[in-house]
Amino acid sequence: MATDKKITIPQLFEMKARGEKITMLTAYDYPTAVLMDRAGIEVVLVGDSVGNNVLGYESTVPVTLEEMLHHTKAVRRGLKRAFLIGDMPFLSFNVSHEQAITNAGRFLKEAGVDAVKLEGGEEMAERVKALERAGIAVMGHIGFTPQRASQLGGAGHVQGRDEERARELLKDARSLEEAGAFSIVLEKIPWPLAELITKSVKIPTMGIGAGPYCDGQVLVTHDVLGLSGLSLKFAKRYVDLSSTIEGALKAFKEDVKAKKFPTVEEHSFSMPEDVLKKLAP
């Protein structure tokens, strides 16, 4: 149910309680953020996926804290209603509680986020607890965690298909909830496990490649818009903007080459004849 009121954590809990699905998408710039609010998206994530989708990196690992803050500030300026989350990049929270609090604090103070997201399960529970004690709301992220892709068997490796790993993920979710996380992203895990986790915790779960039974769904906007060039089993492309934009660029080139653009009548500015005569040699 769309509302003009600012989305808050209690509202997200209320949506879970009444079975209303939560929508969450990524944004990396001001124009996209404005459109997110117009569309009524409840949660906007400035993901470290900015590395793959905007900055030209091969993975999320090279993304720096300064790059994340730069893009998050732009998104903040475009949002009035949606709940804004900043993604903590690799090695911005992994070393110590102090490092995590300092860097997460910059997301709040400098970029105006409502919360931060960090990857990791039970091993990050104490870090989440420390951030919560410092007054920083935290979204967890378990299952496939892109910052640890090499440890997890590569980008296409689904997590939790065997009993041991499934039990680990259940424990991860409960540990993050107990530590104070207000929500958890479940990425690339079998839908029955995602459903079980969702029923096992009181906090909202946000699925990406985790089936339809999570409390909400999150996707990378570039995948939704057909800008990433990827064809992913768990994503849905709603429009092929890549082809549309490429077509427009080619049309521009053709018009310029054929001297159809710009025209004097439609796209140019005139000047008084008497002034022009004075300038003539």
C-alpha atoms as a PDB file:
ATOM      1  CA  MET A   1       0.000   0.000   0.000  1.00  0.00           C
ATOM      2  CA  ALA A   2       1.679   3.206  -1.189  1.00  0.00           C
ATOM      3  CA  THR A   3       2.029   6.127   1.191  1.00  0.00           C
ATOM      4  CA  ASP A   4       3.686   9.536   1.073  1.00  0.00           C
ATOM      5  CA  LYS A   5       5.040   9.071   4.590  1.00  0.00           C
ATOM      6  CA  LYS A   6       8.719   8.327   5.154  1.00  0.00           C
ATOM      7  CA  ILE A   7       9.303   4.586   5.413  1.00  0.00           C
ATOM      8  CA  THR A   8      10.643   3.468   8.791  1.00  0.00           C
ATOM      9  CA  ILE A   9      11.836   0.223  10.359  1.00  0.00           C
ATOM     10  CA  PRO A  10       8.602  -0.197  12.375  1.00  0.00           C
ATOM     11  CA  GLN A  11       6.640   0.101   9.122  1.00  0.00           C
ATOM     12  CA  LEU A  12       8.748  -2.677   7.575  1.00  0.00           C
ATOM     13  CA  PHE A  13       7.978  -4.892  10.571  1.00  0.00           C
ATOM     14  CA  GLU A  14       4.283  -4.086  10.204  1.00  0.00           C
ATOM     15  CA  MET A  15       4.412  -5.075   6.526  1.00  0.00           C
ATOM     16  CA  LYS A  16       5.924  -8.437   7.455  1.00  0.00           C
ATOM     17  CA  ALA A  17       3.283  -8.956  10.134  1.00  0.00           C
ATOM     18  CA  ARG A  18       0.367  -8.396   7.751  1.00  0.00           C
ATOM     19  CA  GLY A  19       1.956 -10.281   4.862  1.00  0.00           C
ATOM     20  CA  GLU A  20       2.479  -7.271   2.612  1.00  0.00           C
ATOM     21  CA  LYS A  21       5.517  -7.766   0.397  1.00  0.00           C
ATOM     22  CA  ILE A  22       8.333  -5.212   0.639  1.00  0.00           C
ATOM     23  CA  THR A  23      10.005  -3.880  -2.509  1.00  0.00           C
ATOM     24  CA  MET A  24      13.693  -3.022  -2.596  1.00  0.00           C
ATOM     25  CA  LEU A  25      15.913  -1.946  -5.495  1.00  0.00           C
ATOM     26  CA  THR A  26      19.403  -0.527  -5.970  1.00  0.00           C
ATOM     27  CA  ALA A  27      20.138   3.058  -6.977  1.00  0.00           C
ATOM     28  CA  TYR A  28      23.453   4.772  -7.627  1.00  0.00           C
ATOM     29  CA  ASP A  29      22.477   8.294  -8.735  1.00  0.00           C
ATOM     30  CA  TYR A  30      20.044  11.160  -8.190  1.00  0.00           C
ATOM     31  CA  PRO A  31      17.743  10.654 -11.248  1.00  0.00           C
ATOM     32  CA  THR A  32      17.197   6.983 -10.451  1.00  0.00           C
ATOM     33  CA  ALA A  33      16.477   7.809  -6.810  1.00  0.00           C
ATOM     34  CA  VAL A  34      13.797  10.318  -7.824  1.00  0.00           C
ATOM     35  CA  LEU A  35      12.132   7.653  -9.969  1.00  0.00           C
ATOM     36  CA  MET A  36      12.283   5.140  -7.096  1.00  0.00           C
ATOM     37  CA  ASP A  37      10.271   7.483  -4.896  1.00  0.00           C
ATOM     38  CA  ARG A  38       7.780   8.181  -7.672  1.00  0.00           C
ATOM     39  CA  ALA A  39       7.305   4.438  -8.187  1.00  0.00           C
ATOM     40  CA  GLY A  40       6.669   3.876  -4.470  1.00  0.00           C
ATOM     41  CA  ILE A  41       9.624   1.547  -3.828  1.00  0.00           C
ATOM     42  CA  GLU A  42       9.868   1.130  -0.045  1.00  0.00           C
ATOM     43  CA  VAL A  43      13.594   0.419   0.353  1.00  0.00           C
ATOM     44  CA  VAL A  44      16.487   1.700  -1.747  1.00  0.00           C
ATOM     45  CA  LEU A  45      19.955   0.194  -1.456  1.00  0.00           C
ATOM     46  CA  VAL A  46      23.056   1.938  -2.681  1.00  0.00           C
ATOM     47  CA  GLY A  47      24.788  -1.373  -3.290  1.00  0.00           C
ATOM     48  CA  ASP A  48      28.456  -2.066  -3.757  1.00  0.00           C
ATOM     49  CA  SER A  49      27.140  -3.526  -7.014  1.00  0.00           C
ATOM     50  CA  VAL A  50      27.850   0.004  -8.222  1.00  0.00           C
ATOM     51  CA  GLY A  51      31.257  -1.517  -8.960  1.00  0.00           C
ATOM     52  CA  ASN A  52      29.919  -3.941 -11.579  1.00  0.00           C
ATOM     53  CA  ASN A  53      27.131  -1.786 -12.951  1.00  0.00           C
ATOM     54  CA  VAL A  54      28.511   1.753 -12.993  1.00  0.00           C
ATOM     55  CA  LEU A  55      32.244   1.847 -12.303  1.00  0.00           C
ATOM     56  CA  GLY A  56      33.359  -0.923 -14.646  1.00  0.00           C
ATOM     57  CA  TYR A  57      34.924  -3.216 -12.046  1.00  0.00           C
ATOM     58  CA  GLU A  58      34.751  -6.977 -12.532  1.00  0.00           C
ATOM     59  CA  SER A  59      33.439  -7.525  -8.998  1.00  0.00           C
ATOM     60  CA  THR A  60      32.332  -5.613  -5.926  1.00  0.00           C
ATOM     61  CA  VAL A  61      35.649  -6.107  -4.122  1.00  0.00           C
ATOM     62  CA  PRO A  62      37.506  -3.039  -5.519  1.00  0.00           C
ATOM     63  CA  VAL A  63      34.754  -0.603  -4.498  1.00  0.00           C
ATOM     64  CA  THR A  64      36.005   1.889  -1.914  1.00  0.00           C
ATOM     65  CA  LEU A  65      34.235   3.581   0.963  1.00  0.00           C
ATOM     66  CA  GLU A  66      34.745   6.967  -0.686  1.00  0.00           C
ATOM     67  CA  GLU A  67      33.083   5.735  -3.883  1.00  0.00           C
ATOM     68  CA  MET A  68      30.155   4.390  -1.885  1.00  0.00           C
ATOM     69  CA  LEU A  69      29.729   7.662  -0.012  1.00  0.00           C
ATOM     70  CA  HIS A  70      29.869   9.646  -3.267  1.00  0.00           C
ATOM     71  CA  HIS A  71      27.043   7.648  -4.851  1.00  0.00           C
ATOM     72  CA  THR A  72      25.015   7.421  -1.634  1.00  0.00           C
ATOM     73  CA  LYS A  73      25.004  11.213  -1.233  1.00  0.00           C
ATOM     74  CA  ALA A  74      23.568  11.549  -4.748  1.00  0.00           C
ATOM     75  CA  VAL A  75      20.820   9.015  -4.026  1.00  0.00           C
ATOM     76  CA  ARG A  76      19.975  10.681  -0.715  1.00  0.00           C
ATOM     77  CA  ARG A  77      19.343  13.957  -2.515  1.00  0.00           C
ATOM     78  CA  GLY A  78      16.784  12.229  -4.731  1.00  0.00           C
ATOM     79  CA  LEU A  79      14.830  10.401  -2.020  1.00  0.00           C
ATOM     80  CA  LYS A  80      12.136  11.815   0.239  1.00  0.00           C
ATOM     81  CA  ARG A  81      10.087   8.741   1.123  1.00  0.00           C
ATOM     82  CA  ALA A  82      12.028   5.498   0.660  1.00  0.00           C
ATOM     83  CA  PHE A  83      14.143   3.923   3.401  1.00  0.00           C
ATOM     84  CA  LEU A  84      17.790   4.347   2.357  1.00  0.00           C
ATOM     85  CA  ILE A  85      20.489   1.758   3.035  1.00  0.00           C
ATOM     86  CA  GLY A  86      24.203   2.127   2.344  1.00  0.00           C
ATOM     87  CA  ASP A  87      26.168  -1.012   1.500  1.00  0.00           C
ATOM     88  CA  MET A  88      29.417  -1.316   3.419  1.00  0.00           C
ATOM     89  CA  PRO A  89      32.159  -2.237   0.934  1.00  0.00           C
ATOM     90  CA  PHE A  90      34.793  -4.917   1.379  1.00  0.00           C
ATOM     91  CA  LEU A  91      37.228  -4.239   4.247  1.00  0.00           C
ATOM     92  CA  SER A  92      35.255  -1.249   5.521  1.00  0.00           C
ATOM     93  CA  PHE A  93      33.822  -3.286   8.426  1.00  0.00           C
ATOM     94  CA  ASN A  94      35.788  -6.548   8.575  1.00  0.00           C
ATOM     95  CA  VAL A  95      38.792  -5.534  10.715  1.00  0.00           C
ATOM     96  CA  SER A  96      37.297  -4.364  14.015  1.00  0.00           C
ATOM     97  CA  HIS A  97      34.243  -2.985  15.777  1.00  0.00           C
ATOM     98  CA  GLU A  98      35.878   0.431  15.873  1.00  0.00           C
ATOM     99  CA  GLN A  99      36.541   0.440  12.124  1.00  0.00           C
ATOM    100  CA  ALA A 100      32.992  -0.668  11.385  1.00  0.00           C
ATOM    101  CA  ILE A 101      31.423   1.961  13.649  1.00  0.00           C
ATOM    102  CA  THR A 102      33.600   4.746  12.222  1.00  0.00           C
ATOM    103  CA  ASN A 103      32.839   3.843   8.602  1.00  0.00           C
ATOM    104  CA  ALA A 104      29.158   3.118   9.163  1.00  0.00           C
ATOM    105  CA  GLY A 105      28.940   6.412  11.029  1.00  0.00           C
ATOM    106  CA  ARG A 106      30.200   8.197   7.926  1.00  0.00           C
ATOM    107  CA  PHE A 107      27.301   6.710   5.955  1.00  0.00           C
ATOM    108  CA  LEU A 108      24.894   8.272   8.460  1.00  0.00           C
ATOM    109  CA  LYS A 109      26.648  11.612   9.049  1.00  0.00           C
ATOM    110  CA  GLU A 110      27.865  12.348   5.518  1.00  0.00           C
ATOM    111  CA  ALA A 111      25.431  10.498   3.267  1.00  0.00           C
ATOM    112  CA  GLY A 112      22.256  10.566   5.354  1.00  0.00           C
ATOM    113  CA  VAL A 113      21.375   6.873   5.208  1.00  0.00           C
ATOM    114  CA  ASP A 114      18.775   5.285   7.447  1.00  0.00           C
ATOM    115  CA  ALA A 115      20.818   2.096   7.865  1.00  0.00           C
ATOM    116  CA  VAL A 116      23.816   0.183   6.563  1.00  0.00           C
ATOM    117  CA  LYS A 117      24.082  -3.339   5.150  1.00  0.00           C
ATOM    118  CA  LEU A 118      26.969  -5.701   5.679  1.00  0.00           C
ATOM    119  CA  GLU A 119      27.695  -9.202   4.460  1.00  0.00           C
ATOM    120  CA  GLY A 120      28.232 -12.155   6.783  1.00  0.00           C
ATOM    121  CA  GLY A 121      26.368 -14.413   9.160  1.00  0.00           C
ATOM    122  CA  GLU A 122      27.146 -15.675  12.653  1.00  0.00           C
ATOM    123  CA  GLU A 123      30.760 -14.508  12.362  1.00  0.00           C
ATOM    124  CA  MET A 124      29.487 -10.936  12.007  1.00  0.00           C
ATOM    125  CA  ALA A 125      26.943 -11.070  14.822  1.00  0.00           C
ATOM    126  CA  GLU A 126      29.168  -9.311  17.354  1.00  0.00           C
ATOM    127  CA  ARG A 127      29.972  -6.627  14.764  1.00  0.00           C
ATOM    128  CA  VAL A 128      26.259  -6.062  14.188  1.00  0.00           C
ATOM    129  CA  LYS A 129      25.706  -5.876  17.939  1.00  0.00           C
ATOM    130  CA  ALA A 130      28.438  -3.241  18.254  1.00  0.00           C
ATOM    131  CA  LEU A 131      26.921  -1.149  15.488  1.00  0.00           C
ATOM    132  CA  GLU A 132      23.471  -1.399  17.051  1.00  0.00           C
ATOM    133  CA  ARG A 133      24.880  -0.282  20.409  1.00  0.00           C
ATOM    134  CA  ALA A 134      26.358   2.730  18.596  1.00  0.00           C
ATOM    135  CA  GLY A 135      22.901   3.621  17.293  1.00  0.00           C
ATOM    136  CA  ILE A 136      23.390   2.382  13.735  1.00  0.00           C
ATOM    137  CA  ALA A 137      20.670   0.205  12.189  1.00  0.00           C
ATOM    138  CA  VAL A 138      22.021  -2.811  10.317  1.00  0.00           C
ATOM    139  CA  MET A 139      20.669  -5.061   7.573  1.00  0.00           C
ATOM    140  CA  GLY A 140      22.390  -8.439   7.364  1.00  0.00           C
ATOM    141  CA  HIS A 141      23.217 -10.387   4.199  1.00  0.00           C
ATOM    142  CA  ILE A 142      23.666 -14.167   4.072  1.00  0.00           C
ATOM    143  CA  GLY A 143      23.685 -16.965   1.534  1.00  0.00           C
ATOM    144  CA  PHE A 144      25.750 -15.964  -1.463  1.00  0.00           C
ATOM    145  CA  THR A 145      27.765 -12.938  -0.398  1.00  0.00           C
ATOM    146  CA  PRO A 146      29.487 -11.320  -3.420  1.00  0.00           C
ATOM    147  CA  GLN A 147      32.423  -9.965  -1.428  1.00  0.00           C
ATOM    148  CA  ARG A 148      33.353 -13.588  -0.644  1.00  0.00           C
ATOM    149  CA  ALA A 149      32.544 -15.028  -4.054  1.00  0.00           C
ATOM    150  CA  SER A 150      35.892 -16.810  -4.416  1.00  0.00           C
ATOM    151  CA  GLN A 151      35.348 -18.611  -1.100  1.00  0.00           C
ATOM    152  CA  LEU A 152      31.821 -19.667  -2.060  1.00  0.00           C
ATOM    153  CA  GLY A 153      32.552 -21.292  -5.399  1.00  0.00           C
ATOM    154  CA  GLY A 154      31.977 -18.394  -7.772  1.00  0.00           C
ATOM    155  CA  ALA A 155      29.111 -16.072  -8.652  1.00  0.00           C
ATOM    156  CA  GLY A 156      26.714 -18.806  -9.781  1.00  0.00           C
ATOM    157  CA  HIS A 157      27.046 -21.034  -6.730  1.00  0.00           C
ATOM    158  CA  VAL A 158      23.733 -21.490  -4.885  1.00  0.00           C
ATOM    159  CA  GLN A 159      24.127 -21.769  -1.106  1.00  0.00           C
ATOM    160  CA  GLY A 160      22.367 -24.127   1.295  1.00  0.00           C
ATOM    161  CA  ARG A 161      21.465 -27.102  -0.895  1.00  0.00           C
ATOM    162  CA  ASP A 162      23.151 -29.578   1.465  1.00  0.00           C
ATOM    163  CA  GLU A 163      22.085 -30.122   5.063  1.00  0.00           C
ATOM    164  CA  GLU A 164      25.248 -28.781   6.676  1.00  0.00           C
ATOM    165  CA  ARG A 165      25.223 -25.494   4.790  1.00  0.00           C
ATOM    166  CA  ALA A 166      21.446 -25.139   5.228  1.00  0.00           C
ATOM    167  CA  ARG A 167      21.820 -25.477   8.999  1.00  0.00           C
ATOM    168  CA  GLU A 168      24.612 -22.899   8.935  1.00  0.00           C
ATOM    169  CA  LEU A 169      22.376 -20.406   7.132  1.00  0.00           C
ATOM    170  CA  LEU A 170      19.530 -20.962   9.593  1.00  0.00           C
ATOM    171  CA  LYS A 171      21.970 -20.322  12.417  1.00  0.00           C
ATOM    172  CA  ASP A 172      23.332 -17.258  10.617  1.00  0.00           C
ATOM    173  CA  ALA A 173      19.861 -15.741  10.323  1.00  0.00           C
ATOM    174  CA  ARG A 174      19.010 -16.331  13.970  1.00  0.00           C
ATOM    175  CA  SER A 175      22.384 -14.990  15.105  1.00  0.00           C
ATOM    176  CA  LEU A 176      21.920 -11.772  13.134  1.00  0.00           C
ATOM    177  CA  GLU A 177      18.411 -11.326  14.516  1.00  0.00           C
ATOM    178  CA  GLU A 178      19.656 -11.848  18.074  1.00  0.00           C
ATOM    179  CA  ALA A 179      22.467  -9.363  17.434  1.00  0.00           C
ATOM    180  CA  GLY A 180      19.926  -6.693  16.535  1.00  0.00           C
ATOM    181  CA  ALA A 181      19.808  -6.667  12.741  1.00  0.00           C
ATOM    182  CA  PHE A 182      16.476  -5.235  11.589  1.00  0.00           C
ATOM    183  CA  SER A 183      16.385  -7.246   8.346  1.00  0.00           C
ATOM    184  CA  ILE A 184      18.352  -9.834   6.355  1.00  0.00           C
ATOM    185  CA  VAL A 185      19.038 -10.239   2.644  1.00  0.00           C
ATOM    186  CA  LEU A 186      18.861 -13.888   1.554  1.00  0.00           C
ATOM    187  CA  GLU A 187      20.807 -14.321  -1.682  1.00  0.00           C
ATOM    188  CA  LYS A 188      20.887 -17.381  -3.951  1.00  0.00           C
ATOM    189  CA  ILE A 189      19.513 -19.988  -1.609  1.00  0.00           C
ATOM    190  CA  PRO A 190      16.830 -22.633  -2.341  1.00  0.00           C
ATOM    191  CA  TRP A 191      13.304 -21.300  -1.896  1.00  0.00           C
ATOM    192  CA  PRO A 192      12.273 -23.939   0.734  1.00  0.00           C
ATOM    193  CA  LEU A 193      15.205 -22.870   2.920  1.00  0.00           C
ATOM    194  CA  ALA A 194      14.407 -19.194   2.402  1.00  0.00           C
ATOM    195  CA  GLU A 195      10.802 -19.876   3.417  1.00  0.00           C
ATOM    196  CA  LEU A 196      11.995 -21.703   6.528  1.00  0.00           C
ATOM    197  CA  ILE A 197      14.328 -18.876   7.502  1.00  0.00           C
ATOM    198  CA  THR A 198      11.583 -16.295   6.911  1.00  0.00           C
ATOM    199  CA  LYS A 199       9.265 -18.188   9.258  1.00  0.00           C
ATOM    200  CA  SER A 200      12.041 -18.670  11.805  1.00  0.00           C
ATOM    201  CA  VAL A 201      12.845 -14.995  12.359  1.00  0.00           C
ATOM    202  CA  LYS A 202      10.698 -12.037  13.332  1.00  0.00           C
ATOM    203  CA  ILE A 203      12.644  -9.548  11.219  1.00  0.00           C
ATOM    204  CA  PRO A 204      11.867  -9.034   7.500  1.00  0.00           C
ATOM    205  CA  THR A 205      13.779 -11.117   4.973  1.00  0.00           C
ATOM    206  CA  MET A 206      14.586  -9.710   1.536  1.00  0.00           C
ATOM    207  CA  GLY A 207      15.137 -12.305  -1.162  1.00  0.00           C
ATOM    208  CA  ILE A 208      17.294 -12.170  -4.252  1.00  0.00           C
ATOM    209  CA  GLY A 209      17.344 -15.546  -5.925  1.00  0.00           C
ATOM    210  CA  ALA A 210      15.621 -16.972  -2.863  1.00  0.00           C
ATOM    211  CA  GLY A 211      12.112 -17.627  -4.149  1.00  0.00           C
ATOM    212  CA  PRO A 212       8.728 -16.027  -3.511  1.00  0.00           C
ATOM    213  CA  TYR A 213       8.289 -16.691   0.206  1.00  0.00           C
ATOM    214  CA  CYS A 214      10.607 -14.029   1.619  1.00  0.00           C
ATOM    215  CA  ASP A 215       9.019 -10.939   3.140  1.00  0.00           C
ATOM    216  CA  GLY A 216      10.258  -8.825   0.265  1.00  0.00           C
ATOM    217  CA  GLN A 217      12.263  -8.880  -2.927  1.00  0.00           C
ATOM    218  CA  VAL A 218      15.395  -6.994  -3.938  1.00  0.00           C
ATOM    219  CA  LEU A 219      16.996  -6.764  -7.363  1.00  0.00           C
ATOM    220  CA  VAL A 220      19.737  -4.758  -9.003  1.00  0.00           C
ATOM    221  CA  THR A 221      17.948  -2.048 -10.969  1.00  0.00           C
ATOM    222  CA  HIS A 222      20.285  -2.443 -13.938  1.00  0.00           C
ATOM    223  CA  ASP A 223      19.022  -6.034 -14.271  1.00  0.00           C
ATOM    224  CA  VAL A 224      15.390  -4.899 -14.044  1.00  0.00           C
ATOM    225  CA  LEU A 225      15.948  -2.279 -16.751  1.00  0.00           C
ATOM    226  CA  GLY A 226      18.023  -4.452 -19.063  1.00  0.00           C
ATOM    227  CA  LEU A 227      21.140  -2.326 -18.645  1.00  0.00           C
ATOM    228  CA  SER A 228      23.498  -4.888 -17.135  1.00  0.00           C
ATOM    229  CA  GLY A 229      23.748  -7.172 -20.134  1.00  0.00           C
ATOM    230  CA  LEU A 230      23.169 -10.143 -17.849  1.00  0.00           C
ATOM    231  CA  SER A 231      20.545 -12.871 -18.114  1.00  0.00           C
ATOM    232  CA  LEU A 232      20.036 -14.177 -14.592  1.00  0.00           C
ATOM    233  CA  LYS A 233      17.698 -16.990 -13.531  1.00  0.00           C
ATOM    234  CA  PHE A 234      16.557 -15.126 -10.416  1.00  0.00           C
ATOM    235  CA  ALA A 235      16.078 -11.705 -12.020  1.00  0.00           C
ATOM    236  CA  LYS A 236      13.321 -10.398 -14.251  1.00  0.00           C
ATOM    237  CA  ARG A 237      13.982  -7.898 -17.038  1.00  0.00           C
ATOM    238  CA  TYR A 238      11.008  -5.554 -17.325  1.00  0.00           C
ATOM    239  CA  VAL A 239      12.368  -3.482 -20.218  1.00  0.00           C
ATOM    240  CA  ASP A 240      15.349  -3.642 -22.576  1.00  0.00           C
ATOM    241  CA  LEU A 241      16.763  -0.158 -22.109  1.00  0.00           C
ATOM    242  CA  SER A 242      20.146  -1.252 -23.385  1.00  0.00           C
ATOM    243  CA  SER A 243      18.768  -1.746 -26.890  1.00  0.00           C
ATOM    244  CA  THR A 244      16.638   1.402 -26.666  1.00  0.00           C
ATOM    245  CA  ILE A 245      19.592   3.566 -25.625  1.00  0.00           C
ATOM    246  CA  GLU A 246      21.932   2.036 -28.194  1.00  0.00           C
ATOM    247  CA  GLY A 247      19.332   2.700 -30.888  1.00  0.00           C
ATOM    248  CA  ALA A 248      19.031   6.343 -29.825  1.00  0.00           C
ATOM    249  CA  LEU A 249      22.804   6.800 -29.867  1.00  0.00           C
ATOM    250  CA  LYS A 250      23.077   5.301 -33.345  1.00  0.00           C
ATOM    251  CA  ALA A 251      20.225   7.511 -34.572  1.00  0.00           C
ATOM    252  CA  PHE A 252      22.050  10.586 -33.229  1.00  0.00           C
ATOM    253  CA  LYS A 253      25.237   9.569 -35.011  1.00  0.00           C
ATOM    254  CA  GLU A 254      23.377   8.971 -38.278  1.00  0.00           C
ATOM    255  CA  ASP A 255      21.611  12.360 -38.082  1.00  0.00           C
ATOM    256  CA  VAL A 256      24.857  14.214 -37.484  1.00  0.00           C
ATOM    257  CA  LYS A 257      26.679  12.366 -40.252  1.00  0.00           C
ATOM    258  CA  ALA A 258      23.788  13.040 -42.660  1.00  0.00           C
ATOM    259  CA  LYS A 259      23.635  16.706 -41.573  1.00  0.00           C
ATOM    260  CA  LYS A 260      20.047  16.256 -40.359  1.00  0.00           C
ATOM    261  CA  PHE A 261      20.898  17.473 -36.857  1.00  0.00           C
ATOM    262  CA  PRO A 262      20.999  20.211 -35.829  1.00  0.00           C
ATOM    263  CA  THR A 263      18.736  22.188 -38.143  1.00  0.00           C
ATOM    264  CA  VAL A 264      18.603  25.980 -38.273  1.00  0.00           C
ATOM    265  CA  GLU A 265      14.821  26.065 -37.763  1.00  0.00           C
ATOM    266  CA  GLU A 266      14.416  23.546 -34.895  1.00  0.00           C
ATOM    267  CA  HIS A 267      17.663  23.388 -32.957  1.00  0.00           C
ATOM    268  CA  SER A 268      19.551  26.660 -33.463  1.00  0.00           C
ATOM    269  CA  PHE A 269      19.409  30.247 -32.185  1.00  0.00           C
ATOM    270  CA  SER A 270      19.103  33.342 -34.389  1.00  0.00           C
ATOM    271  CA  MET A 271      20.498  36.836 -33.879  1.00  0.00           C
ATOM    272  CA  PRO A 272      19.431  40.315 -35.032  1.00  0.00           C
ATOM    273  CA  GLU A 273      20.301  41.029 -38.636  1.00  0.00           C
ATOM    274  CA  ASP A 274      21.736  44.471 -37.837  1.00  0.00           C
ATOM    275  CA  VAL A 275      24.164  42.952 -35.347  1.00  0.00           C
ATOM    276  CA  LEU A 276      25.211  40.317 -37.833  1.00  0.00           C
ATOM    277  CA  LYS A 277      25.867  42.989 -40.485  1.00  0.00           C
ATOM    278  CA  LYS A 278      28.161  44.851 -38.107  1.00  0.00           C
ATOM    279  CA  LEU A 279      30.166  41.685 -37.561  1.00  0.00           C
ATOM    280  CA  ALA A 280      30.533  40.867 -41.246  1.00  0.00           C
ATOM    281  CA  PRO A 281      34.014  41.539 -42.690  1.00  0.00           C
END
